[in-house]
Amino acid sequence: MKTLKFKTNIMCGGCISTVTPHLNSAETVEKWEVDIANPNKILSVHGENLSESEVIEKVQKAGYKIEKTEG
């Protein structure tokens, strides 16, 4: 399974609730989580054929900032 990591501004449980239907509708995403304890609010997305652009589009549609992390 492939994993992509992104820096976001998803800060709390309410933010996670807002973004959940968007990420759950992404066809290439099998599971995901946000480390809200991390200062960079790292979103980890897992799936076999992940589409980086699809994940970015879904998070932006939910109203949040997102950028690919290095490494």
PDB file of N, CA and C in Angstrom:
ATOM      1  N   MET A   1       0.845  -1.179   0.000  1.00  0.00           N
ATOM      2  CA  MET A   1       0.000   0.000   0.000  1.00  0.00           C
ATOM      3  C   MET A   1       0.889   1.240   0.000  1.00  0.00           C
ATOM      4  N   LYS A   2       0.509   2.201  -0.785  1.00  0.00           N
ATOM      5  CA  LYS A   2       1.249   3.450  -0.912  1.00  0.00           C
ATOM      6  C   LYS A   2       0.729   4.459   0.115  1.00  0.00           C
ATOM      7  N   THR A   3       1.620   5.317   0.621  1.00  0.00           N
ATOM      8  CA  THR A   3       1.237   6.368   1.564  1.00  0.00           C
ATOM      9  C   THR A   3       1.749   7.708   1.069  1.00  0.00           C
ATOM     10  N   LEU A   4       0.866   8.704   1.095  1.00  0.00           N
ATOM     11  CA  LEU A   4       1.253  10.081   0.793  1.00  0.00           C
ATOM     12  C   LEU A   4       1.040  10.913   2.045  1.00  0.00           C
ATOM     13  N   LYS A   5       1.927  11.889   2.277  1.00  0.00           N
ATOM     14  CA  LYS A   5       1.803  12.766   3.438  1.00  0.00           C
ATOM     15  C   LYS A   5       1.727  14.210   2.974  1.00  0.00           C
ATOM     16  N   PHE A   6       0.840  14.956   3.652  1.00  0.00           N
ATOM     17  CA  PHE A   6       0.600  16.347   3.301  1.00  0.00           C
ATOM     18  C   PHE A   6       0.573  17.205   4.557  1.00  0.00           C
ATOM     19  N   LYS A   7       1.061  18.423   4.439  1.00  0.00           N
ATOM     20  CA  LYS A   7       0.937  19.426   5.492  1.00  0.00           C
ATOM     21  C   LYS A   7      -0.400  20.124   5.267  1.00  0.00           C
ATOM     22  N   THR A   8      -1.202  20.270   6.330  1.00  0.00           N
ATOM     23  CA  THR A   8      -2.535  20.868   6.192  1.00  0.00           C
ATOM     24  C   THR A   8      -2.774  21.893   7.292  1.00  0.00           C
ATOM     25  N   ASN A   9      -3.947  22.510   7.244  1.00  0.00           N
ATOM     26  CA  ASN A   9      -4.391  23.362   8.355  1.00  0.00           C
ATOM     27  C   ASN A   9      -5.652  22.773   8.989  1.00  0.00           C
ATOM     28  N   ILE A  10      -5.746  21.442   8.970  1.00  0.00           N
ATOM     29  CA  ILE A  10      -6.837  20.719   9.642  1.00  0.00           C
ATOM     30  C   ILE A  10      -6.448  20.642  11.115  1.00  0.00           C
ATOM     31  N   MET A  11      -7.159  21.399  11.967  1.00  0.00           N
ATOM     32  CA  MET A  11      -6.706  21.631  13.340  1.00  0.00           C
ATOM     33  C   MET A  11      -7.389  20.806  14.434  1.00  0.00           C
ATOM     34  N   CYS A  12      -8.623  20.332  14.181  1.00  0.00           N
ATOM     35  CA  CYS A  12      -9.383  19.751  15.296  1.00  0.00           C
ATOM     36  C   CYS A  12     -10.374  18.712  14.786  1.00  0.00           C
ATOM     37  N   GLY A  13     -11.094  18.131  15.714  1.00  0.00           N
ATOM     38  CA  GLY A  13     -12.095  17.142  15.363  1.00  0.00           C
ATOM     39  C   GLY A  13     -13.179  17.693  14.458  1.00  0.00           C
ATOM     40  N   GLY A  14     -13.545  18.948  14.656  1.00  0.00           N
ATOM     41  CA  GLY A  14     -14.541  19.581  13.792  1.00  0.00           C
ATOM     42  C   GLY A  14     -14.048  19.680  12.357  1.00  0.00           C
ATOM     43  N   CYS A  15     -12.769  20.029  12.204  1.00  0.00           N
ATOM     44  CA  CYS A  15     -12.163  20.105  10.875  1.00  0.00           C
ATOM     45  C   CYS A  15     -12.157  18.717  10.227  1.00  0.00           C
ATOM     46  N   ILE A  16     -11.816  17.712  11.011  1.00  0.00           N
ATOM     47  CA  ILE A  16     -11.789  16.341  10.496  1.00  0.00           C
ATOM     48  C   ILE A  16     -13.189  15.933  10.044  1.00  0.00           C
ATOM     49  N   SER A  17     -14.210  16.303  10.820  1.00  0.00           N
ATOM     50  CA  SER A  17     -15.591  15.993  10.437  1.00  0.00           C
ATOM     51  C   SER A  17     -15.961  16.657   9.116  1.00  0.00           C
ATOM     52  N   THR A  18     -15.485  17.874   8.906  1.00  0.00           N
ATOM     53  CA  THR A  18     -15.783  18.602   7.669  1.00  0.00           C
ATOM     54  C   THR A  18     -15.119  17.950   6.465  1.00  0.00           C
ATOM     55  N   VAL A  19     -13.880  17.511   6.616  1.00  0.00           N
ATOM     56  CA  VAL A  19     -13.124  16.961   5.485  1.00  0.00           C
ATOM     57  C   VAL A  19     -13.447  15.480   5.228  1.00  0.00           C
ATOM     58  N   THR A  20     -14.016  14.788   6.216  1.00  0.00           N
ATOM     59  CA  THR A  20     -14.272  13.352   6.093  1.00  0.00           C
ATOM     60  C   THR A  20     -15.076  12.966   4.851  1.00  0.00           C
ATOM     61  N   PRO A  21     -16.232  13.572   4.585  1.00  0.00           N
ATOM     62  CA  PRO A  21     -16.970  13.132   3.392  1.00  0.00           C
ATOM     63  C   PRO A  21     -16.218  13.384   2.093  1.00  0.00           C
ATOM     64  N   HIS A  22     -15.390  14.416   2.060  1.00  0.00           N
ATOM     65  CA  HIS A  22     -14.615  14.724   0.857  1.00  0.00           C
ATOM     66  C   HIS A  22     -13.551  13.651   0.614  1.00  0.00           C
ATOM     67  N   LEU A  23     -12.772  13.324   1.659  1.00  0.00           N
ATOM     68  CA  LEU A  23     -11.719  12.323   1.487  1.00  0.00           C
ATOM     69  C   LEU A  23     -12.306  10.923   1.317  1.00  0.00           C
ATOM     70  N   ASN A  24     -13.413  10.634   1.987  1.00  0.00           N
ATOM     71  CA  ASN A  24     -14.022   9.312   1.848  1.00  0.00           C
ATOM     72  C   ASN A  24     -14.598   9.099   0.450  1.00  0.00           C
ATOM     73  N   SER A  25     -14.884  10.185  -0.267  1.00  0.00           N
ATOM     74  CA  SER A  25     -15.412  10.050  -1.624  1.00  0.00           C
ATOM     75  C   SER A  25     -14.304   9.912  -2.664  1.00  0.00           C
ATOM     76  N   ALA A  26     -13.056  10.079  -2.252  1.00  0.00           N
ATOM     77  CA  ALA A  26     -11.928   9.942  -3.185  1.00  0.00           C
ATOM     78  C   ALA A  26     -11.756   8.468  -3.542  1.00  0.00           C
ATOM     79  N   GLU A  27     -11.818   8.157  -4.815  1.00  0.00           N
ATOM     80  CA  GLU A  27     -11.771   6.766  -5.264  1.00  0.00           C
ATOM     81  C   GLU A  27     -10.453   6.070  -4.952  1.00  0.00           C
ATOM     82  N   THR A  28      -9.358   6.813  -4.911  1.00  0.00           N
ATOM     83  CA  THR A  28      -8.047   6.178  -4.731  1.00  0.00           C
ATOM     84  C   THR A  28      -7.640   6.056  -3.258  1.00  0.00           C
ATOM     85  N   VAL A  29      -8.418   6.645  -2.355  1.00  0.00           N
ATOM     86  CA  VAL A  29      -8.070   6.643  -0.932  1.00  0.00           C
ATOM     87  C   VAL A  29      -8.739   5.462  -0.230  1.00  0.00           C
ATOM     88  N   GLU A  30      -7.910   4.612   0.410  1.00  0.00           N
ATOM     89  CA  GLU A  30      -8.452   3.486   1.167  1.00  0.00           C
ATOM     90  C   GLU A  30      -8.646   3.861   2.630  1.00  0.00           C
ATOM     91  N   LYS A  31      -7.690   4.588   3.203  1.00  0.00           N
ATOM     92  CA  LYS A  31      -7.829   5.094   4.567  1.00  0.00           C
ATOM     93  C   LYS A  31      -6.945   6.317   4.729  1.00  0.00           C
ATOM     94  N   TRP A  32      -7.250   7.108   5.764  1.00  0.00           N
ATOM     95  CA  TRP A  32      -6.493   8.337   5.992  1.00  0.00           C
ATOM     96  C   TRP A  32      -6.609   8.725   7.450  1.00  0.00           C
ATOM     97  N   GLU A  33      -5.659   9.559   7.911  1.00  0.00           N
ATOM     98  CA  GLU A  33      -5.713  10.113   9.263  1.00  0.00           C
ATOM     99  C   GLU A  33      -4.923  11.412   9.283  1.00  0.00           C
ATOM    100  N   VAL A  34      -5.285  12.265  10.255  1.00  0.00           N
ATOM    101  CA  VAL A  34      -4.594  13.543  10.436  1.00  0.00           C
ATOM    102  C   VAL A  34      -3.975  13.540  11.821  1.00  0.00           C
ATOM    103  N   ASP A  35      -2.687  13.865  11.896  1.00  0.00           N
ATOM    104  CA  ASP A  35      -2.001  13.990  13.185  1.00  0.00           C
ATOM    105  C   ASP A  35      -2.149  15.435  13.647  1.00  0.00           C
ATOM    106  N   ILE A  36      -3.239  15.714  14.380  1.00  0.00           N
ATOM    107  CA  ILE A  36      -3.484  17.096  14.810  1.00  0.00           C
ATOM    108  C   ILE A  36      -2.549  17.519  15.934  1.00  0.00           C
ATOM    109  N   ALA A  37      -1.835  16.577  16.542  1.00  0.00           N
ATOM    110  CA  ALA A  37      -0.844  16.918  17.567  1.00  0.00           C
ATOM    111  C   ALA A  37       0.442  17.453  16.935  1.00  0.00           C
ATOM    112  N   ASN A  38       0.700  17.103  15.686  1.00  0.00           N
ATOM    113  CA  ASN A  38       1.880  17.567  14.962  1.00  0.00           C
ATOM    114  C   ASN A  38       1.673  19.031  14.576  1.00  0.00           C
ATOM    115  N   PRO A  39       2.660  19.898  14.771  1.00  0.00           N
ATOM    116  CA  PRO A  39       2.504  21.314  14.412  1.00  0.00           C
ATOM    117  C   PRO A  39       2.156  21.525  12.934  1.00  0.00           C
ATOM    118  N   ASN A  40       2.548  20.599  12.071  1.00  0.00           N
ATOM    119  CA  ASN A  40       2.251  20.708  10.642  1.00  0.00           C
ATOM    120  C   ASN A  40       0.942  20.040  10.248  1.00  0.00           C
ATOM    121  N   LYS A  41       0.219  19.483  11.239  1.00  0.00           N
ATOM    122  CA  LYS A  41      -1.089  18.850  10.989  1.00  0.00           C
ATOM    123  C   LYS A  41      -1.011  17.893   9.795  1.00  0.00           C
ATOM    124  N   ILE A  42      -0.159  16.881   9.930  1.00  0.00           N
ATOM    125  CA  ILE A  42       0.143  15.977   8.826  1.00  0.00           C
ATOM    126  C   ILE A  42      -1.028  15.039   8.518  1.00  0.00           C
ATOM    127  N   LEU A  43      -1.471  15.087   7.267  1.00  0.00           N
ATOM    128  CA  LEU A  43      -2.486  14.187   6.745  1.00  0.00           C
ATOM    129  C   LEU A  43      -1.760  13.041   6.054  1.00  0.00           C
ATOM    130  N   SER A  44      -2.004  11.808   6.521  1.00  0.00           N
ATOM    131  CA  SER A  44      -1.449  10.615   5.885  1.00  0.00           C
ATOM    132  C   SER A  44      -2.576   9.907   5.159  1.00  0.00           C
ATOM    133  N   VAL A  45      -2.364   9.641   3.885  1.00  0.00           N
ATOM    134  CA  VAL A  45      -3.380   9.016   3.045  1.00  0.00           C
ATOM    135  C   VAL A  45      -2.797   7.704   2.513  1.00  0.00           C
ATOM    136  N   HIS A  46      -3.589   6.630   2.593  1.00  0.00           N
ATOM    137  CA  HIS A  46      -3.119   5.303   2.195  1.00  0.00           C
ATOM    138  C   HIS A  46      -4.012   4.732   1.105  1.00  0.00           C
ATOM    139  N   GLY A  47      -3.407   4.035   0.139  1.00  0.00           N
ATOM    140  CA  GLY A  47      -4.140   3.381  -0.936  1.00  0.00           C
ATOM    141  C   GLY A  47      -3.173   2.774  -1.931  1.00  0.00           C
ATOM    142  N   GLU A  48      -3.686   1.928  -2.797  1.00  0.00           N
ATOM    143  CA  GLU A  48      -2.844   1.258  -3.793  1.00  0.00           C
ATOM    144  C   GLU A  48      -2.479   2.178  -4.951  1.00  0.00           C
ATOM    145  N   ASN A  49      -3.457   2.866  -5.494  1.00  0.00           N
ATOM    146  CA  ASN A  49      -3.244   3.707  -6.686  1.00  0.00           C
ATOM    147  C   ASN A  49      -3.567   5.150  -6.370  1.00  0.00           C
ATOM    148  N   LEU A  50      -2.939   5.685  -5.320  1.00  0.00           N
ATOM    149  CA  LEU A  50      -3.257   7.035  -4.858  1.00  0.00           C
ATOM    150  C   LEU A  50      -3.012   8.091  -5.929  1.00  0.00           C
ATOM    151  N   SER A  51      -3.917   9.049  -5.957  1.00  0.00           N
ATOM    152  CA  SER A  51      -3.765  10.209  -6.831  1.00  0.00           C
ATOM    153  C   SER A  51      -3.526  11.431  -5.952  1.00  0.00           C
ATOM    154  N   GLU A  52      -2.288  11.935  -5.991  1.00  0.00           N
ATOM    155  CA  GLU A  52      -1.935  13.113  -5.196  1.00  0.00           C
ATOM    156  C   GLU A  52      -2.847  14.284  -5.535  1.00  0.00           C
ATOM    157  N   SER A  53      -3.111  14.491  -6.820  1.00  0.00           N
ATOM    158  CA  SER A  53      -3.946  15.616  -7.231  1.00  0.00           C
ATOM    159  C   SER A  53      -5.384  15.453  -6.732  1.00  0.00           C
ATOM    160  N   GLU A  54      -5.896  14.213  -6.693  1.00  0.00           N
ATOM    161  CA  GLU A  54      -7.254  13.990  -6.197  1.00  0.00           C
ATOM    162  C   GLU A  54      -7.350  14.329  -4.710  1.00  0.00           C
ATOM    163  N   VAL A  55      -6.356  13.917  -3.920  1.00  0.00           N
ATOM    164  CA  VAL A  55      -6.346  14.211  -2.481  1.00  0.00           C
ATOM    165  C   VAL A  55      -6.306  15.723  -2.269  1.00  0.00           C
ATOM    166  N   ILE A  56      -5.426  16.413  -2.966  1.00  0.00           N
ATOM    167  CA  ILE A  56      -5.304  17.871  -2.831  1.00  0.00           C
ATOM    168  C   ILE A  56      -6.625  18.539  -3.197  1.00  0.00           C
ATOM    169  N   GLU A  57      -7.233  18.114  -4.294  1.00  0.00           N
ATOM    170  CA  GLU A  57      -8.503  18.699  -4.742  1.00  0.00           C
ATOM    171  C   GLU A  57      -9.597  18.498  -3.699  1.00  0.00           C
ATOM    172  N   LYS A  58      -9.689  17.300  -3.124  1.00  0.00           N
ATOM    173  CA  LYS A  58     -10.736  17.003  -2.142  1.00  0.00           C
ATOM    174  C   LYS A  58     -10.569  17.854  -0.884  1.00  0.00           C
ATOM    175  N   VAL A  59      -9.344  17.999  -0.400  1.00  0.00           N
ATOM    176  CA  VAL A  59      -9.102  18.785   0.815  1.00  0.00           C
ATOM    177  C   VAL A  59      -9.372  20.262   0.546  1.00  0.00           C
ATOM    178  N   GLN A  60      -8.966  20.752  -0.608  1.00  0.00           N
ATOM    179  CA  GLN A  60      -9.232  22.152  -0.952  1.00  0.00           C
ATOM    180  C   GLN A  60     -10.725  22.413  -1.101  1.00  0.00           C
ATOM    181  N   LYS A  61     -11.470  21.464  -1.679  1.00  0.00           N
ATOM    182  CA  LYS A  61     -12.927  21.613  -1.794  1.00  0.00           C
ATOM    183  C   LYS A  61     -13.584  21.682  -0.422  1.00  0.00           C
ATOM    184  N   ALA A  62     -12.984  21.025   0.563  1.00  0.00           N
ATOM    185  CA  ALA A  62     -13.507  21.060   1.933  1.00  0.00           C
ATOM    186  C   ALA A  62     -13.174  22.392   2.606  1.00  0.00           C
ATOM    187  N   GLY A  63     -12.293  23.201   1.980  1.00  0.00           N
ATOM    188  CA  GLY A  63     -11.978  24.518   2.504  1.00  0.00           C
ATOM    189  C   GLY A  63     -10.679  24.608   3.283  1.00  0.00           C
ATOM    190  N   TYR A  64      -9.798  23.632   3.104  1.00  0.00           N
ATOM    191  CA  TYR A  64      -8.543  23.606   3.862  1.00  0.00           C
ATOM    192  C   TYR A  64      -7.327  23.745   2.947  1.00  0.00           C
ATOM    193  N   LYS A  65      -6.236  24.209   3.536  1.00  0.00           N
ATOM    194  CA  LYS A  65      -4.972  24.317   2.818  1.00  0.00           C
ATOM    195  C   LYS A  65      -4.267  22.972   2.906  1.00  0.00           C
ATOM    196  N   ILE A  66      -3.557  22.637   1.851  1.00  0.00           N
ATOM    197  CA  ILE A  66      -2.831  21.368   1.806  1.00  0.00           C
ATOM    198  C   ILE A  66      -1.632  21.519   0.895  1.00  0.00           C
ATOM    199  N   GLU A  67      -0.510  20.931   1.294  1.00  0.00           N
ATOM    200  CA  GLU A  67       0.674  20.886   0.435  1.00  0.00           C
ATOM    201  C   GLU A  67       1.428  19.605   0.708  1.00  0.00           C
ATOM    202  N   LYS A  68       2.033  19.065  -0.329  1.00  0.00           N
ATOM    203  CA  LYS A  68       2.799  17.819  -0.228  1.00  0.00           C
ATOM    204  C   LYS A  68       4.006  18.040   0.672  1.00  0.00           C
ATOM    205  N   THR A  69       4.280  17.095   1.568  1.00  0.00           N
ATOM    206  CA  THR A  69       5.477  17.180   2.394  1.00  0.00           C
ATOM    207  C   THR A  69       6.650  16.590   1.650  1.00  0.00           C
ATOM    208  N   GLU A  70       7.826  17.015   2.007  1.00  0.00           N
ATOM    209  CA  GLU A  70       9.043  16.481   1.413  1.00  0.00           C
ATOM    210  C   GLU A  70       9.412  15.180   2.110  1.00  0.00           C
ATOM    211  N   GLY A  71       9.893  14.210   1.326  1.00  0.00           N
ATOM    212  CA  GLY A  71      10.358  12.954   1.902  1.00  0.00           C
ATOM    213  C   GLY A  71       9.246  12.075   2.120  1.00  0.00           C
TER     214      GLY A  71
END
